[in-house]
Protein backbone atom coordinates (compact mmCIF):
# COMPACT_ATOMS: atom_id res chain seq x y z
CA UNK A 1 152.77 147.73 146.07
CA UNK A 2 156.21 146.23 146.19
CA UNK A 3 156.20 143.92 143.21
CA UNK A 4 157.25 144.41 139.62
CA UNK A 5 154.98 144.11 136.61
CA UNK A 6 155.95 142.77 133.18
CA UNK A 7 154.11 143.90 130.05
CA UNK A 8 154.76 142.08 126.78
CA UNK A 9 154.16 143.04 123.16
CA UNK A 10 153.38 139.82 121.33
CA UNK A 11 154.30 139.75 117.65
CA UNK A 12 152.57 137.57 115.09
CA UNK A 13 154.69 134.61 113.95
CA UNK A 14 156.63 135.39 110.79
CA UNK A 15 156.64 139.16 111.31
CA UNK A 16 160.09 140.72 111.68
CA UNK A 17 159.97 143.71 113.98
CA UNK A 18 162.63 146.37 113.47
CA UNK A 19 161.53 148.93 116.05
CA UNK A 20 159.56 148.76 119.32
CA UNK A 21 158.95 151.69 121.66
CA UNK A 22 157.12 151.86 124.99
CA UNK A 23 155.14 154.85 126.30
CA UNK A 24 153.22 155.80 129.42
CA UNK A 25 150.19 157.78 128.28
CA UNK A 26 148.76 159.20 131.54
CA UNK A 27 148.27 162.17 131.50
CA UNK A 28 150.36 162.76 128.33
CA UNK A 29 152.31 160.31 126.17
CA UNK A 30 155.91 159.99 127.39
CA UNK A 31 158.48 157.60 125.88
CA UNK A 32 159.89 155.12 128.40
CA UNK A 33 163.60 154.44 128.46
CA UNK A 34 165.51 151.79 130.36
CA UNK A 35 166.21 153.20 133.83
CA UNK A 36 166.09 152.36 137.52
CA UNK A 37 162.28 152.58 137.26
CA UNK A 38 161.83 150.54 134.07
CA UNK A 39 163.64 147.70 132.32
CA UNK A 40 163.22 146.91 128.63
CA UNK A 41 164.25 143.52 127.28
CA UNK A 42 166.97 143.22 124.62
CA UNK A 43 164.35 142.57 121.91
CA UNK A 44 162.31 145.50 123.35
CA UNK A 45 159.15 143.35 123.44
CA UNK A 46 158.92 143.24 127.25
CA UNK A 47 158.66 146.21 129.59
CA UNK A 48 159.26 145.61 133.30
CA UNK A 49 157.85 148.19 135.68
CA UNK A 50 160.10 147.96 138.72
CA UNK A 51 158.67 148.55 142.20
CA UNK A 52 155.08 149.31 141.17
CA UNK A 53 153.83 152.48 142.88
CA UNK A 54 150.76 154.69 142.54
CA UNK A 55 152.75 157.03 140.24
CA UNK A 56 153.42 154.14 137.86
CA UNK A 57 149.76 153.10 137.59
CA UNK A 58 148.08 154.11 134.35
CA UNK A 59 148.02 153.36 130.64
CA UNK A 60 151.05 151.98 128.83
CA UNK A 61 151.45 151.69 125.07
CA UNK A 62 153.68 149.49 122.93
CA UNK A 63 154.33 150.76 119.37
CA UNK A 64 155.93 148.31 116.94
CA UNK A 65 157.17 148.75 113.38
CA UNK A 66 157.78 145.78 111.08
CA UNK A 67 160.52 145.47 108.47
CA UNK A 68 157.91 146.08 105.74
CA UNK A 69 156.96 149.44 107.32
CA UNK A 70 153.66 148.28 108.83
CA UNK A 71 152.98 149.66 112.30
CA UNK A 72 150.78 148.58 115.18
CA UNK A 73 150.26 149.64 118.75
CA UNK A 74 148.53 148.25 121.80
CA UNK A 75 147.56 149.80 125.12
CA UNK A 76 147.19 148.23 128.53
CA UNK A 77 145.97 149.85 131.73
CA UNK A 78 147.81 149.00 134.96
CA UNK A 79 145.51 149.43 137.96
CA UNK A 80 145.91 148.75 141.67
CA UNK A 81 144.95 145.26 142.76
CA UNK A 82 141.32 144.71 143.79
CA UNK A 83 140.41 143.90 147.38
CA UNK A 84 141.42 140.30 148.13
CA UNK A 85 137.81 139.10 148.37
CA UNK A 86 137.16 140.07 144.71
CA UNK A 87 139.86 137.78 143.27
CA UNK A 88 138.41 134.82 141.37
CA UNK A 89 140.91 131.93 141.51
CA UNK A 90 139.03 130.10 138.74
CA UNK A 91 140.02 132.63 136.06
CA UNK A 92 143.41 131.67 134.70
CA UNK A 93 143.22 133.00 131.14
CA UNK A 94 142.51 136.39 129.59
CA UNK A 95 141.56 136.83 125.93
CA UNK A 96 141.99 140.13 124.11
CA UNK A 97 139.94 140.91 121.00
CA UNK A 98 141.66 143.02 118.36
CA UNK A 99 140.01 146.41 117.92
CA UNK A 100 138.04 146.25 121.16
CA UNK A 101 139.34 148.29 124.13
CA UNK A 102 140.35 145.92 126.92
CA UNK A 103 141.64 146.31 130.46
CA UNK A 104 143.95 143.93 132.27
CA UNK A 105 144.13 144.22 136.04
CA UNK A 106 147.50 143.07 137.29
CA UNK A 107 147.02 141.39 140.63
CA UNK A 108 150.44 139.98 141.50
CA UNK A 109 153.55 138.52 139.94
CA UNK A 110 155.28 135.76 141.82
CA UNK A 111 154.17 132.65 143.63
CA UNK A 112 150.49 131.71 143.45
CA UNK A 113 148.14 133.33 145.94
CA UNK A 114 147.00 130.79 148.51
CA UNK A 115 143.37 130.93 149.62
CA UNK A 116 142.24 129.73 153.03
CA UNK A 117 138.96 127.82 153.43
């Protein structure tokens, strides 16, 4: 894979976040720091995985702490793209339900994929 992947931690409106940390949890939890492999936005809410490779596939976790001391975390699994014939161009939206494990398969960032008839 030669593209980058962006993962975002969305914060509820009105919540002031004082601390956000990103981790890769496969096979053990390791804190991610800004490097040539990863970029973290100034507000720390977006992690960019540069040059996605097989070694970078796996589960990522965002841990956030609010000003009032409340904490929350979310996990997302980055998997290789499915074979081209399994992509459904009709699906444009993904909904995550709090408390229910979910998986998001990152297909591609960049211009839309064009399908031939």
